[in-house]
PDB file of N, CA and C in Angstrom:
ATOM      1  N   MET A   1      78.928-148.040 106.229  1.00  0.00           N
ATOM      2  CA  MET A   1      80.236-148.611 106.478  1.00  0.00           C
ATOM      3  C   MET A   1      80.885-148.975 105.144  1.00  0.00           C
ATOM      4  N   SER A   2      82.133-148.646 104.999  1.00  0.00           N
ATOM      5  CA  SER A   2      82.870-148.926 103.777  1.00  0.00           C
ATOM      6  C   SER A   2      83.067-150.419 103.586  1.00  0.00           C
ATOM      7  N   SER A   3      82.933-150.873 102.332  1.00  0.00           N
ATOM      8  CA  SER A   3      83.119-152.297 102.057  1.00  0.00           C
ATOM      9  C   SER A   3      84.571-152.717 102.198  1.00  0.00           C
ATOM     10  N   ASP A   4      85.496-151.759 102.140  1.00  0.00           N
ATOM     11  CA  ASP A   4      86.905-152.123 102.274  1.00  0.00           C
ATOM     12  C   ASP A   4      87.456-151.805 103.667  1.00  0.00           C
ATOM     13  N   LEU A   5      86.576-151.649 104.627  1.00  0.00           N
ATOM     14  CA  LEU A   5      86.985-151.340 105.991  1.00  0.00           C
ATOM     15  C   LEU A   5      88.017-152.336 106.516  1.00  0.00           C
ATOM     16  N   PHE A   6      87.832-153.605 106.168  1.00  0.00           N
ATOM     17  CA  PHE A   6      88.732-154.642 106.663  1.00  0.00           C
ATOM     18  C   PHE A   6      89.648-155.189 105.572  1.00  0.00           C
ATOM     19  N   ASP A   7      89.839-154.449 104.505  1.00  0.00           N
ATOM     20  CA  ASP A   7      90.700-154.904 103.416  1.00  0.00           C
ATOM     21  C   ASP A   7      92.162-154.827 103.853  1.00  0.00           C
ATOM     22  N   LEU A   8      92.795-155.981 103.930  1.00  0.00           N
ATOM     23  CA  LEU A   8      94.199-156.057 104.343  1.00  0.00           C
ATOM     24  C   LEU A   8      95.109-156.472 103.187  1.00  0.00           C
ATOM     25  N   THR A   9      94.608-156.354 101.973  1.00  0.00           N
ATOM     26  CA  THR A   9      95.396-156.714 100.804  1.00  0.00           C
ATOM     27  C   THR A   9      96.710-155.940 100.807  1.00  0.00           C
ATOM     28  N   GLY A  10      97.790-156.664 100.628  1.00  0.00           N
ATOM     29  CA  GLY A  10      99.107-156.049 100.602  1.00  0.00           C
ATOM     30  C   GLY A  10      99.765-155.896 101.961  1.00  0.00           C
ATOM     31  N   GLU A  11      99.049-156.223 103.017  1.00  0.00           N
ATOM     32  CA  GLU A  11      99.602-156.148 104.369  1.00  0.00           C
ATOM     33  C   GLU A  11     100.232-157.494 104.736  1.00  0.00           C
ATOM     34  N   VAL A  12     101.227-157.460 105.596  1.00  0.00           N
ATOM     35  CA  VAL A  12     101.907-158.678 106.039  1.00  0.00           C
ATOM     36  C   VAL A  12     101.859-158.737 107.561  1.00  0.00           C
ATOM     37  N   ALA A  13     101.419-159.890 108.070  1.00  0.00           N
ATOM     38  CA  ALA A  13     101.261-160.056 109.517  1.00  0.00           C
ATOM     39  C   ALA A  13     102.009-161.279 110.016  1.00  0.00           C
ATOM     40  N   ILE A  14     102.596-161.142 111.188  1.00  0.00           N
ATOM     41  CA  ILE A  14     103.113-162.284 111.937  1.00  0.00           C
ATOM     42  C   ILE A  14     102.101-162.564 113.036  1.00  0.00           C
ATOM     43  N   VAL A  15     101.728-163.828 113.182  1.00  0.00           N
ATOM     44  CA  VAL A  15     100.826-164.228 114.263  1.00  0.00           C
ATOM     45  C   VAL A  15     101.529-165.304 115.076  1.00  0.00           C
ATOM     46  N   THR A  16     101.853-164.993 116.335  1.00  0.00           N
ATOM     47  CA  THR A  16     102.450-166.003 117.203  1.00  0.00           C
ATOM     48  C   THR A  16     101.336-166.839 117.820  1.00  0.00           C
ATOM     49  N   GLY A  17     101.653-168.074 118.137  1.00  0.00           N
ATOM     50  CA  GLY A  17     100.637-168.979 118.668  1.00  0.00           C
ATOM     51  C   GLY A  17      99.620-169.360 117.611  1.00  0.00           C
ATOM     52  N   ALA A  18     100.042-169.368 116.348  1.00  0.00           N
ATOM     53  CA  ALA A  18      99.127-169.581 115.225  1.00  0.00           C
ATOM     54  C   ALA A  18      98.814-171.044 114.954  1.00  0.00           C
ATOM     55  N   GLY A  19      99.340-171.947 115.746  1.00  0.00           N
ATOM     56  CA  GLY A  19      99.157-173.366 115.476  1.00  0.00           C
ATOM     57  C   GLY A  19      97.812-173.935 115.870  1.00  0.00           C
ATOM     58  N   ARG A  20      97.079-173.207 116.705  1.00  0.00           N
ATOM     59  CA  ARG A  20      95.765-173.712 117.133  1.00  0.00           C
ATOM     60  C   ARG A  20      95.004-172.612 117.867  1.00  0.00           C
ATOM     61  N   GLY A  21      93.767-172.883 118.144  1.00  0.00           N
ATOM     62  CA  GLY A  21      92.951-171.993 118.959  1.00  0.00           C
ATOM     63  C   GLY A  21      92.799-170.590 118.395  1.00  0.00           C
ATOM     64  N   ILE A  22      92.888-169.613 119.285  1.00  0.00           N
ATOM     65  CA  ILE A  22      92.686-168.216 118.904  1.00  0.00           C
ATOM     66  C   ILE A  22      93.713-167.772 117.866  1.00  0.00           C
ATOM     67  N   GLY A  23      94.967-168.166 118.027  1.00  0.00           N
ATOM     68  CA  GLY A  23      96.000-167.780 117.066  1.00  0.00           C
ATOM     69  C   GLY A  23      95.714-168.302 115.672  1.00  0.00           C
ATOM     70  N   GLU A  24      95.257-169.542 115.583  1.00  0.00           N
ATOM     71  CA  GLU A  24      94.877-170.105 114.288  1.00  0.00           C
ATOM     72  C   GLU A  24      93.738-169.288 113.688  1.00  0.00           C
ATOM     73  N   GLY A  25      92.758-168.976 114.502  1.00  0.00           N
ATOM     74  CA  GLY A  25      91.628-168.181 114.025  1.00  0.00           C
ATOM     75  C   GLY A  25      92.053-166.808 113.543  1.00  0.00           C
ATOM     76  N   ILE A  26      92.924-166.153 114.293  1.00  0.00           N
ATOM     77  CA  ILE A  26      93.412-164.827 113.894  1.00  0.00           C
ATOM     78  C   ILE A  26      94.144-164.918 112.557  1.00  0.00           C
ATOM     79  N   ALA A  27      95.033-165.901 112.420  1.00  0.00           N
ATOM     80  CA  ALA A  27      95.794-166.060 111.179  1.00  0.00           C
ATOM     81  C   ALA A  27      94.864-166.256 109.988  1.00  0.00           C
ATOM     82  N   LYS A  28      93.850-167.089 110.154  1.00  0.00           N
ATOM     83  CA  LYS A  28      92.927-167.367 109.048  1.00  0.00           C
ATOM     84  C   LYS A  28      92.064-166.155 108.710  1.00  0.00           C
ATOM     85  N   VAL A  29      91.616-165.417 109.707  1.00  0.00           N
ATOM     86  CA  VAL A  29      90.808-164.221 109.436  1.00  0.00           C
ATOM     87  C   VAL A  29      91.647-163.152 108.738  1.00  0.00           C
ATOM     88  N   LEU A  30      92.870-162.942 109.201  1.00  0.00           N
ATOM     89  CA  LEU A  30      93.742-161.975 108.532  1.00  0.00           C
ATOM     90  C   LEU A  30      93.935-162.360 107.067  1.00  0.00           C
ATOM     91  N   ALA A  31      94.169-163.647 106.814  1.00  0.00           N
ATOM     92  CA  ALA A  31      94.335-164.119 105.439  1.00  0.00           C
ATOM     93  C   ALA A  31      93.048-163.950 104.640  1.00  0.00           C
ATOM     94  N   ASP A  32      91.906-164.236 105.256  1.00  0.00           N
ATOM     95  CA  ASP A  32      90.618-164.057 104.573  1.00  0.00           C
ATOM     96  C   ASP A  32      90.426-162.617 104.113  1.00  0.00           C
ATOM     97  N   TYR A  33      90.955-161.675 104.875  1.00  0.00           N
ATOM     98  CA  TYR A  33      90.830-160.261 104.528  1.00  0.00           C
ATOM     99  C   TYR A  33      91.990-159.760 103.673  1.00  0.00           C
ATOM    100  N   GLY A  34      92.839-160.682 103.205  1.00  0.00           N
ATOM    101  CA  GLY A  34      93.849-160.331 102.220  1.00  0.00           C
ATOM    102  C   GLY A  34      95.280-160.222 102.694  1.00  0.00           C
ATOM    103  N   ALA A  35      95.523-160.339 103.988  1.00  0.00           N
ATOM    104  CA  ALA A  35      96.894-160.234 104.490  1.00  0.00           C
ATOM    105  C   ALA A  35      97.696-161.492 104.168  1.00  0.00           C
ATOM    106  N   SER A  36      98.977-161.314 103.966  1.00  0.00           N
ATOM    107  CA  SER A  36      99.908-162.439 103.918  1.00  0.00           C
ATOM    108  C   SER A  36     100.314-162.700 105.360  1.00  0.00           C
ATOM    109  N   VAL A  37     100.383-163.981 105.739  1.00  0.00           N
ATOM    110  CA  VAL A  37     100.552-164.317 107.149  1.00  0.00           C
ATOM    111  C   VAL A  37     101.765-165.210 107.376  1.00  0.00           C
ATOM    112  N   VAL A  38     102.562-164.837 108.375  1.00  0.00           N
ATOM    113  CA  VAL A  38     103.622-165.701 108.875  1.00  0.00           C
ATOM    114  C   VAL A  38     103.051-166.368 110.120  1.00  0.00           C
ATOM    115  N   CYS A  39     102.785-167.665 110.018  1.00  0.00           N
ATOM    116  CA  CYS A  39     102.237-168.436 111.134  1.00  0.00           C
ATOM    117  C   CYS A  39     103.403-168.908 111.994  1.00  0.00           C
ATOM    118  N   ALA A  40     103.412-168.488 113.248  1.00  0.00           N
ATOM    119  CA  ALA A  40     104.537-168.804 114.128  1.00  0.00           C
ATOM    120  C   ALA A  40     104.065-169.539 115.374  1.00  0.00           C
ATOM    121  N   ALA A  41     104.833-170.549 115.763  1.00  0.00           N
ATOM    122  CA  ALA A  41     104.589-171.303 116.996  1.00  0.00           C
ATOM    123  C   ALA A  41     105.771-172.235 117.208  1.00  0.00           C
ATOM    124  N   ARG A  42     105.784-172.898 118.347  1.00  0.00           N
ATOM    125  CA  ARG A  42     106.872-173.835 118.641  1.00  0.00           C
ATOM    126  C   ARG A  42     106.686-175.170 117.941  1.00  0.00           C
ATOM    127  N   ARG A  43     105.458-175.552 117.668  1.00  0.00           N
ATOM    128  CA  ARG A  43     105.180-176.862 117.064  1.00  0.00           C
ATOM    129  C   ARG A  43     105.056-176.742 115.542  1.00  0.00           C
ATOM    130  N   THR A  44     106.067-177.221 114.860  1.00  0.00           N
ATOM    131  CA  THR A  44     106.146-177.099 113.405  1.00  0.00           C
ATOM    132  C   THR A  44     104.937-177.704 112.709  1.00  0.00           C
ATOM    133  N   GLU A  45     104.507-178.886 113.141  1.00  0.00           N
ATOM    134  CA  GLU A  45     103.406-179.578 112.459  1.00  0.00           C
ATOM    135  C   GLU A  45     102.136-178.732 112.467  1.00  0.00           C
ATOM    136  N   GLU A  46     101.863-178.091 113.588  1.00  0.00           N
ATOM    137  CA  GLU A  46     100.634-177.304 113.713  1.00  0.00           C
ATOM    138  C   GLU A  46     100.646-176.090 112.792  1.00  0.00           C
ATOM    139  N   ILE A  47     101.742-175.359 112.765  1.00  0.00           N
ATOM    140  CA  ILE A  47     101.756-174.158 111.927  1.00  0.00           C
ATOM    141  C   ILE A  47     101.863-174.497 110.443  1.00  0.00           C
ATOM    142  N   GLU A  48     102.499-175.620 110.114  1.00  0.00           N
ATOM    143  CA  GLU A  48     102.518-176.049 108.716  1.00  0.00           C
ATOM    144  C   GLU A  48     101.108-176.380 108.250  1.00  0.00           C
ATOM    145  N   ARG A  49     100.318-177.003 109.130  1.00  0.00           N
ATOM    146  CA  ARG A  49      98.923-177.320 108.787  1.00  0.00           C
ATOM    147  C   ARG A  49      98.134-176.038 108.562  1.00  0.00           C
ATOM    148  N   VAL A  50      98.247-175.089 109.478  1.00  0.00           N
ATOM    149  CA  VAL A  50      97.498-173.835 109.365  1.00  0.00           C
ATOM    150  C   VAL A  50      97.914-173.078 108.102  1.00  0.00           C
ATOM    151  N   ALA A  51      99.211-172.955 107.862  1.00  0.00           N
ATOM    152  CA  ALA A  51      99.685-172.257 106.661  1.00  0.00           C
ATOM    153  C   ALA A  51      99.184-172.954 105.400  1.00  0.00           C
ATOM    154  N   SER A  52      99.197-174.283 105.384  1.00  0.00           N
ATOM    155  CA  SER A  52      98.704-175.037 104.225  1.00  0.00           C
ATOM    156  C   SER A  52      97.220-174.804 103.998  1.00  0.00           C
ATOM    157  N   GLU A  53      96.455-174.742 105.071  1.00  0.00           N
ATOM    158  CA  GLU A  53      95.018-174.487 104.944  1.00  0.00           C
ATOM    159  C   GLU A  53      94.756-173.080 104.405  1.00  0.00           C
ATOM    160  N   ILE A  54      95.547-172.118 104.835  1.00  0.00           N
ATOM    161  CA  ILE A  54      95.400-170.749 104.317  1.00  0.00           C
ATOM    162  C   ILE A  54      95.713-170.719 102.823  1.00  0.00           C
ATOM    163  N   VAL A  55      96.805-171.361 102.425  1.00  0.00           N
ATOM    164  CA  VAL A  55      97.193-171.399 101.014  1.00  0.00           C
ATOM    165  C   VAL A  55      96.138-172.133 100.191  1.00  0.00           C
ATOM    166  N   ALA A  56      95.599-173.231 100.721  1.00  0.00           N
ATOM    167  CA  ALA A  56      94.565-173.989 100.012  1.00  0.00           C
ATOM    168  C   ALA A  56      93.300-173.156  99.792  1.00  0.00           C
ATOM    169  N   ALA A  57      93.090-172.164 100.648  1.00  0.00           N
ATOM    170  CA  ALA A  57      91.927-171.274 100.524  1.00  0.00           C
ATOM    171  C   ALA A  57      92.297-170.014  99.729  1.00  0.00           C
ATOM    172  N   ASN A  58      93.373-170.108  98.934  1.00  0.00           N
ATOM    173  CA  ASN A  58      93.853-169.023  98.074  1.00  0.00           C
ATOM    174  C   ASN A  58      94.466-167.846  98.835  1.00  0.00           C
ATOM    175  N   GLY A  59      94.951-168.100 100.039  1.00  0.00           N
ATOM    176  CA  GLY A  59      95.648-167.068 100.794  1.00  0.00           C
ATOM    177  C   GLY A  59      97.148-167.217 100.642  1.00  0.00           C
ATOM    178  N   ARG A  60      97.872-166.331 101.296  1.00  0.00           N
ATOM    179  CA  ARG A  60      99.335-166.384 101.286  1.00  0.00           C
ATOM    180  C   ARG A  60      99.807-166.552 102.716  1.00  0.00           C
ATOM    181  N   ALA A  61     100.582-167.612 102.955  1.00  0.00           N
ATOM    182  CA  ALA A  61     101.061-167.878 104.314  1.00  0.00           C
ATOM    183  C   ALA A  61     102.300-168.750 104.274  1.00  0.00           C
ATOM    184  N   ILE A  62     103.115-168.579 105.304  1.00  0.00           N
ATOM    185  CA  ILE A  62     104.245-169.471 105.531  1.00  0.00           C
ATOM    186  C   ILE A  62     104.246-169.859 107.003  1.00  0.00           C
ATOM    187  N   ALA A  63     104.897-170.966 107.285  1.00  0.00           N
ATOM    188  CA  ALA A  63     105.063-171.431 108.665  1.00  0.00           C
ATOM    189  C   ALA A  63     106.491-171.137 109.095  1.00  0.00           C
ATOM    190  N   CYS A  64     106.638-170.660 110.316  1.00  0.00           N
ATOM    191  CA  CYS A  64     107.968-170.359 110.846  1.00  0.00           C
ATOM    192  C   CYS A  64     108.005-170.778 112.313  1.00  0.00           C
ATOM    193  N   THR A  65     108.757-171.817 112.605  1.00  0.00           N
ATOM    194  CA  THR A  65     108.870-172.303 113.974  1.00  0.00           C
ATOM    195  C   THR A  65     109.664-171.304 114.805  1.00  0.00           C
ATOM    196  N   ALA A  66     109.111-170.953 115.965  1.00  0.00           N
ATOM    197  CA  ALA A  66     109.785-169.968 116.815  1.00  0.00           C
ATOM    198  C   ALA A  66     109.321-170.103 118.257  1.00  0.00           C
ATOM    199  N   ASP A  67     110.214-169.730 119.151  1.00  0.00           N
ATOM    200  CA  ASP A  67     109.919-169.640 120.580  1.00  0.00           C
ATOM    201  C   ASP A  67     109.957-168.156 120.929  1.00  0.00           C
ATOM    202  N   VAL A  68     108.816-167.594 121.308  1.00  0.00           N
ATOM    203  CA  VAL A  68     108.749-166.148 121.535  1.00  0.00           C
ATOM    204  C   VAL A  68     109.551-165.682 122.741  1.00  0.00           C
ATOM    205  N   THR A  69     110.070-166.606 123.533  1.00  0.00           N
ATOM    206  CA  THR A  69     110.929-166.213 124.654  1.00  0.00           C
ATOM    207  C   THR A  69     112.394-166.093 124.234  1.00  0.00           C
ATOM    208  N   ASN A  70     112.670-166.382 122.959  1.00  0.00           N
ATOM    209  CA  ASN A  70     114.022-166.345 122.423  1.00  0.00           C
ATOM    210  C   ASN A  70     114.154-165.155 121.466  1.00  0.00           C
ATOM    211  N   ALA A  71     114.969-164.175 121.827  1.00  0.00           N
ATOM    212  CA  ALA A  71     115.116-162.960 121.017  1.00  0.00           C
ATOM    213  C   ALA A  71     115.580-163.261 119.594  1.00  0.00           C
ATOM    214  N   ALA A  72     116.451-164.236 119.430  1.00  0.00           N
ATOM    215  CA  ALA A  72     116.929-164.585 118.093  1.00  0.00           C
ATOM    216  C   ALA A  72     115.789-165.110 117.226  1.00  0.00           C
ATOM    217  N   ASP A  73     114.872-165.855 117.827  1.00  0.00           N
ATOM    218  CA  ASP A  73     113.719-166.361 117.079  1.00  0.00           C
ATOM    219  C   ASP A  73     112.806-165.221 116.633  1.00  0.00           C
ATOM    220  N   LEU A  74     112.662-164.194 117.452  1.00  0.00           N
ATOM    221  CA  LEU A  74     111.832-163.049 117.082  1.00  0.00           C
ATOM    222  C   LEU A  74     112.433-162.316 115.890  1.00  0.00           C
ATOM    223  N   THR A  75     113.750-162.173 115.903  1.00  0.00           N
ATOM    224  CA  THR A  75     114.439-161.562 114.768  1.00  0.00           C
ATOM    225  C   THR A  75     114.237-162.406 113.522  1.00  0.00           C
ATOM    226  N   LYS A  76     114.323-163.728 113.682  1.00  0.00           N
ATOM    227  CA  LYS A  76     114.120-164.650 112.561  1.00  0.00           C
ATOM    228  C   LYS A  76     112.713-164.513 111.985  1.00  0.00           C
ATOM    229  N   LEU A  77     111.719-164.357 112.842  1.00  0.00           N
ATOM    230  CA  LEU A  77     110.342-164.185 112.368  1.00  0.00           C
ATOM    231  C   LEU A  77     110.214-162.941 111.501  1.00  0.00           C
ATOM    232  N   ALA A  78     110.719-161.829 112.004  1.00  0.00           N
ATOM    233  CA  ALA A  78     110.641-160.579 111.245  1.00  0.00           C
ATOM    234  C   ALA A  78     111.365-160.714 109.910  1.00  0.00           C
ATOM    235  N   GLN A  79     112.544-161.317 109.923  1.00  0.00           N
ATOM    236  CA  GLN A  79     113.301-161.475 108.687  1.00  0.00           C
ATOM    237  C   GLN A  79     112.593-162.416 107.721  1.00  0.00           C
ATOM    238  N   SER A  80     111.941-163.452 108.232  1.00  0.00           N
ATOM    239  CA  SER A  80     111.187-164.374 107.374  1.00  0.00           C
ATOM    240  C   SER A  80     110.061-163.641 106.657  1.00  0.00           C
ATOM    241  N   ALA A  81     109.363-162.774 107.369  1.00  0.00           N
ATOM    242  CA  ALA A  81     108.283-161.990 106.754  1.00  0.00           C
ATOM    243  C   ALA A  81     108.832-161.110 105.636  1.00  0.00           C
ATOM    244  N   ILE A  82     109.935-160.439 105.911  1.00  0.00           N
ATOM    245  CA  ILE A  82     110.530-159.540 104.921  1.00  0.00           C
ATOM    246  C   ILE A  82     111.078-160.318 103.731  1.00  0.00           C
ATOM    247  N   ASP A  83     111.745-161.436 103.991  1.00  0.00           N
ATOM    248  CA  ASP A  83     112.303-162.249 102.907  1.00  0.00           C
ATOM    249  C   ASP A  83     111.207-162.808 102.006  1.00  0.00           C
ATOM    250  N   GLU A  84     110.122-163.286 102.598  1.00  0.00           N
ATOM    251  CA  GLU A  84     109.054-163.938 101.828  1.00  0.00           C
ATOM    252  C   GLU A  84     108.095-162.942 101.188  1.00  0.00           C
ATOM    253  N   PHE A  85     107.733-161.889 101.919  1.00  0.00           N
ATOM    254  CA  PHE A  85     106.672-160.996 101.454  1.00  0.00           C
ATOM    255  C   PHE A  85     107.124-159.552 101.223  1.00  0.00           C
ATOM    256  N   GLY A  86     108.387-159.238 101.542  1.00  0.00           N
ATOM    257  CA  GLY A  86     108.931-157.928 101.243  1.00  0.00           C
ATOM    258  C   GLY A  86     108.704-156.841 102.275  1.00  0.00           C
ATOM    259  N   GLN A  87     107.972-157.151 103.327  1.00  0.00           N
ATOM    260  CA  GLN A  87     107.673-156.140 104.347  1.00  0.00           C
ATOM    261  C   GLN A  87     107.058-156.811 105.565  1.00  0.00           C
ATOM    262  N   LEU A  88     106.860-156.018 106.603  1.00  0.00           N
ATOM    263  CA  LEU A  88     106.154-156.465 107.807  1.00  0.00           C
ATOM    264  C   LEU A  88     105.323-155.296 108.301  1.00  0.00           C
ATOM    265  N   ASP A  89     104.010-155.498 108.390  1.00  0.00           N
ATOM    266  CA  ASP A  89     103.103-154.417 108.764  1.00  0.00           C
ATOM    267  C   ASP A  89     102.483-154.577 110.141  1.00  0.00           C
ATOM    268  N   MET A  90     102.283-155.802 110.575  1.00  0.00           N
ATOM    269  CA  MET A  90     101.655-156.003 111.884  1.00  0.00           C
ATOM    270  C   MET A  90     102.176-157.269 112.542  1.00  0.00           C
ATOM    271  N   TRP A  91     102.106-157.258 113.861  1.00  0.00           N
ATOM    272  CA  TRP A  91     102.585-158.378 114.665  1.00  0.00           C
ATOM    273  C   TRP A  91     101.532-158.652 115.723  1.00  0.00           C
ATOM    274  N   VAL A  92     100.989-159.857 115.717  1.00  0.00           N
ATOM    275  CA  VAL A  92      99.980-160.239 116.704  1.00  0.00           C
ATOM    276  C   VAL A  92     100.637-161.175 117.707  1.00  0.00           C
ATOM    277  N   ASN A  93     100.839-160.690 118.930  1.00  0.00           N
ATOM    278  CA  ASN A  93     101.425-161.506 119.995  1.00  0.00           C
ATOM    279  C   ASN A  93     100.318-162.298 120.673  1.00  0.00           C
ATOM    280  N   ASN A  94     100.180-163.551 120.267  1.00  0.00           N
ATOM    281  CA  ASN A  94      99.131-164.389 120.804  1.00  0.00           C
ATOM    282  C   ASN A  94      99.695-165.551 121.616  1.00  0.00           C
ATOM    283  N   ALA A  95     100.998-165.717 121.633  1.00  0.00           N
ATOM    284  CA  ALA A  95     101.604-166.846 122.354  1.00  0.00           C
ATOM    285  C   ALA A  95     101.927-166.448 123.780  1.00  0.00           C
TER     286      ALA A  95
END
């Protein structure tokens, strides 16, 4: 098995529901493997904590408050990823 099988360096991911539970875990694992992560959820405090923990572990992450039932918020998430990291490669719908 290749050692870079899970290398996500240079990739950018949005993870919805990233404030706790499975979404938090997904966001942290993606960051551990090198992805820049947009942590998205309705509760600002939770995603700010997760993004801060990723950054403290030498990862790249931002928090973006969003309601996935609102189309404008989804557009905002995508634009936040592009504005901050220059691209968007994957979207994990966990919310």
